[in-house]
Amino acid sequence: MKKIFEKIKSIFLFIIKNKYIVTFTAFLVWILFLDTYNIYDRIKKLQKLHELKKETEFFKKEIEIYNQQYQELFSDEESLEKFAREQYQLKEEDEDVFIIISD
């Protein structure tokens, strides 16, 4: 037990006496934990960036779908009438509309 303690003490004294190791350790602690762009903030920002990229892809797909629907809707009169009947339950004067909702 005493040998282990002496060995740890000698390693610790070597590290303390070596100014390069002390300086490097202080620099590493400063960069990783105390700096403006520390490791914790970098990880949070990278996670946020990943989330925003996923949202961007989602919205690009949504825009593509809506653009396709827009082109389809205004391409001819029949599709416009079909859309109005389905979405807004519009009807002509001599028609009855039955709405069937399925689960």
C-alpha atoms as a PDB file:
ATOM      1  CA  MET A   1       0.000   0.000   0.000  1.00  0.00           C
ATOM      2  CA  LYS A   2       2.841   2.315   0.854  1.00  0.00           C
ATOM      3  CA  LYS A   3       4.535   1.621  -2.501  1.00  0.00           C
ATOM      4  CA  ILE A   4       1.392   2.573  -4.403  1.00  0.00           C
ATOM      5  CA  PHE A   5       1.099   5.793  -2.406  1.00  0.00           C
ATOM      6  CA  GLU A   6       4.765   6.652  -3.052  1.00  0.00           C
ATOM      7  CA  LYS A   7       4.382   5.949  -6.757  1.00  0.00           C
ATOM      8  CA  ILE A   8       1.297   8.197  -7.002  1.00  0.00           C
ATOM      9  CA  LYS A   9       3.131  10.896  -5.017  1.00  0.00           C
ATOM     10  CA  SER A  10       6.143  10.748  -7.347  1.00  0.00           C
ATOM     11  CA  ILE A  11       3.957  10.988 -10.474  1.00  0.00           C
ATOM     12  CA  PHE A  12       2.038  13.910  -8.974  1.00  0.00           C
ATOM     13  CA  LEU A  13       5.260  15.743  -8.086  1.00  0.00           C
ATOM     14  CA  PHE A  14       6.626  15.158 -11.590  1.00  0.00           C
ATOM     15  CA  ILE A  15       3.475  16.653 -13.100  1.00  0.00           C
ATOM     16  CA  ILE A  16       3.543  19.662 -10.778  1.00  0.00           C
ATOM     17  CA  LYS A  17       7.225  20.360 -11.446  1.00  0.00           C
ATOM     18  CA  ASN A  18       6.881  20.106 -15.225  1.00  0.00           C
ATOM     19  CA  LYS A  19       5.656  23.516 -16.373  1.00  0.00           C
ATOM     20  CA  TYR A  20       4.647  22.253 -19.826  1.00  0.00           C
ATOM     21  CA  ILE A  21       2.226  19.671 -18.444  1.00  0.00           C
ATOM     22  CA  VAL A  22       0.736  22.239 -16.051  1.00  0.00           C
ATOM     23  CA  THR A  23       0.339  24.788 -18.841  1.00  0.00           C
ATOM     24  CA  PHE A  24      -1.154  22.265 -21.241  1.00  0.00           C
ATOM     25  CA  THR A  25      -3.580  21.021 -18.569  1.00  0.00           C
ATOM     26  CA  ALA A  26      -4.658  24.574 -17.711  1.00  0.00           C
ATOM     27  CA  PHE A  27      -5.103  25.367 -21.416  1.00  0.00           C
ATOM     28  CA  LEU A  28      -7.130  22.188 -21.948  1.00  0.00           C
ATOM     29  CA  VAL A  29      -9.389  22.936 -18.983  1.00  0.00           C
ATOM     30  CA  TRP A  30      -9.875  26.499 -20.220  1.00  0.00           C
ATOM     31  CA  ILE A  31     -10.768  25.443 -23.770  1.00  0.00           C
ATOM     32  CA  LEU A  32     -13.049  22.557 -22.809  1.00  0.00           C
ATOM     33  CA  PHE A  33     -14.983  24.102 -19.942  1.00  0.00           C
ATOM     34  CA  LEU A  34     -14.428  27.847 -19.466  1.00  0.00           C
ATOM     35  CA  ASP A  35     -14.196  29.298 -22.960  1.00  0.00           C
ATOM     36  CA  THR A  36     -17.081  30.976 -24.769  1.00  0.00           C
ATOM     37  CA  TYR A  37     -17.278  28.033 -27.177  1.00  0.00           C
ATOM     38  CA  ASN A  38     -16.882  25.280 -24.597  1.00  0.00           C
ATOM     39  CA  ILE A  39     -17.640  21.645 -25.275  1.00  0.00           C
ATOM     40  CA  TYR A  40     -21.082  21.719 -23.620  1.00  0.00           C
ATOM     41  CA  ASP A  41     -22.302  24.623 -25.758  1.00  0.00           C
ATOM     42  CA  ARG A  42     -20.838  23.061 -28.901  1.00  0.00           C
ATOM     43  CA  ILE A  43     -22.716  19.813 -28.306  1.00  0.00           C
ATOM     44  CA  LYS A  44     -25.984  21.680 -27.679  1.00  0.00           C
ATOM     45  CA  LYS A  45     -25.528  23.743 -30.831  1.00  0.00           C
ATOM     46  CA  LEU A  46     -24.733  20.671 -32.922  1.00  0.00           C
ATOM     47  CA  GLN A  47     -27.902  18.979 -31.656  1.00  0.00           C
ATOM     48  CA  LYS A  48     -29.928  22.097 -32.471  1.00  0.00           C
ATOM     49  CA  LEU A  49     -28.355  22.196 -35.942  1.00  0.00           C
ATOM     50  CA  HIS A  50     -29.322  18.563 -36.513  1.00  0.00           C
ATOM     51  CA  GLU A  51     -32.919  19.289 -35.456  1.00  0.00           C
ATOM     52  CA  LEU A  52     -33.096  22.326 -37.746  1.00  0.00           C
ATOM     53  CA  LYS A  53     -31.775  20.329 -40.696  1.00  0.00           C
ATOM     54  CA  LYS A  54     -34.463  17.704 -40.118  1.00  0.00           C
ATOM     55  CA  GLU A  55     -37.105  20.448 -39.982  1.00  0.00           C
ATOM     56  CA  THR A  56     -35.722  21.951 -43.186  1.00  0.00           C
ATOM     57  CA  GLU A  57     -36.035  18.630 -44.989  1.00  0.00           C
ATOM     58  CA  PHE A  58     -39.560  18.176 -43.670  1.00  0.00           C
ATOM     59  CA  PHE A  59     -40.655  21.625 -44.843  1.00  0.00           C
ATOM     60  CA  LYS A  60     -39.019  21.164 -48.246  1.00  0.00           C
ATOM     61  CA  LYS A  61     -41.054  17.995 -48.729  1.00  0.00           C
ATOM     62  CA  GLU A  62     -44.212  19.791 -47.577  1.00  0.00           C
ATOM     63  CA  ILE A  63     -43.570  22.666 -49.992  1.00  0.00           C
ATOM     64  CA  GLU A  64     -43.048  20.180 -52.813  1.00  0.00           C
ATOM     65  CA  ILE A  65     -46.352  18.463 -51.994  1.00  0.00           C
ATOM     66  CA  TYR A  66     -48.234  21.765 -51.850  1.00  0.00           C
ATOM     67  CA  ASN A  67     -46.695  22.984 -55.098  1.00  0.00           C
ATOM     68  CA  GLN A  68     -47.747  19.757 -56.778  1.00  0.00           C
ATOM     69  CA  GLN A  69     -51.280  20.132 -55.419  1.00  0.00           C
ATOM     70  CA  TYR A  70     -51.361  23.758 -56.567  1.00  0.00           C
ATOM     71  CA  GLN A  71     -50.300  22.829 -60.087  1.00  0.00           C
ATOM     72  CA  GLU A  72     -52.803  20.010 -60.179  1.00  0.00           C
ATOM     73  CA  LEU A  73     -55.590  22.198 -58.820  1.00  0.00           C
ATOM     74  CA  PHE A  74     -55.221  25.068 -61.243  1.00  0.00           C
ATOM     75  CA  SER A  75     -54.326  22.999 -64.279  1.00  0.00           C
ATOM     76  CA  ASP A  76     -57.929  22.553 -65.393  1.00  0.00           C
ATOM     77  CA  GLU A  77     -61.476  23.476 -64.420  1.00  0.00           C
ATOM     78  CA  GLU A  78     -62.547  19.940 -63.470  1.00  0.00           C
ATOM     79  CA  SER A  79     -59.866  19.507 -60.818  1.00  0.00           C
ATOM     80  CA  LEU A  80     -60.736  22.895 -59.326  1.00  0.00           C
ATOM     81  CA  GLU A  81     -64.407  21.916 -59.124  1.00  0.00           C
ATOM     82  CA  LYS A  82     -63.497  18.534 -57.615  1.00  0.00           C
ATOM     83  CA  PHE A  83     -61.369  20.224 -54.969  1.00  0.00           C
ATOM     84  CA  ALA A  84     -64.103  22.701 -54.078  1.00  0.00           C
ATOM     85  CA  ARG A  85     -66.673  19.937 -53.762  1.00  0.00           C
ATOM     86  CA  GLU A  86     -64.437  17.734 -51.612  1.00  0.00           C
ATOM     87  CA  GLN A  87     -62.922  20.346 -49.332  1.00  0.00           C
ATOM     88  CA  TYR A  88     -65.713  22.882 -48.943  1.00  0.00           C
ATOM     89  CA  GLN A  89     -68.761  20.673 -49.626  1.00  0.00           C
ATOM     90  CA  LEU A  90     -69.897  22.961 -52.409  1.00  0.00           C
ATOM     91  CA  LYS A  91     -72.814  21.808 -54.499  1.00  0.00           C
ATOM     92  CA  GLU A  92     -74.972  22.863 -57.356  1.00  0.00           C
ATOM     93  CA  GLU A  93     -78.581  23.932 -56.767  1.00  0.00           C
ATOM     94  CA  ASP A  94     -80.258  20.697 -57.763  1.00  0.00           C
ATOM     95  CA  GLU A  95     -77.853  18.405 -55.832  1.00  0.00           C
ATOM     96  CA  ASP A  96     -77.848  16.888 -52.373  1.00  0.00           C
ATOM     97  CA  VAL A  97     -74.528  16.250 -50.664  1.00  0.00           C
ATOM     98  CA  PHE A  98     -74.040  13.304 -48.326  1.00  0.00           C
ATOM     99  CA  ILE A  99     -70.894  13.315 -46.209  1.00  0.00           C
ATOM    100  CA  ILE A 100     -69.671   9.889 -45.141  1.00  0.00           C
ATOM    101  CA  ILE A 101     -67.000   9.843 -42.467  1.00  0.00           C
ATOM    102  CA  SER A 102     -65.129   6.584 -42.055  1.00  0.00           C
ATOM    103  CA  ASP A 103     -62.773   5.639 -39.239  1.00  0.00           C
END
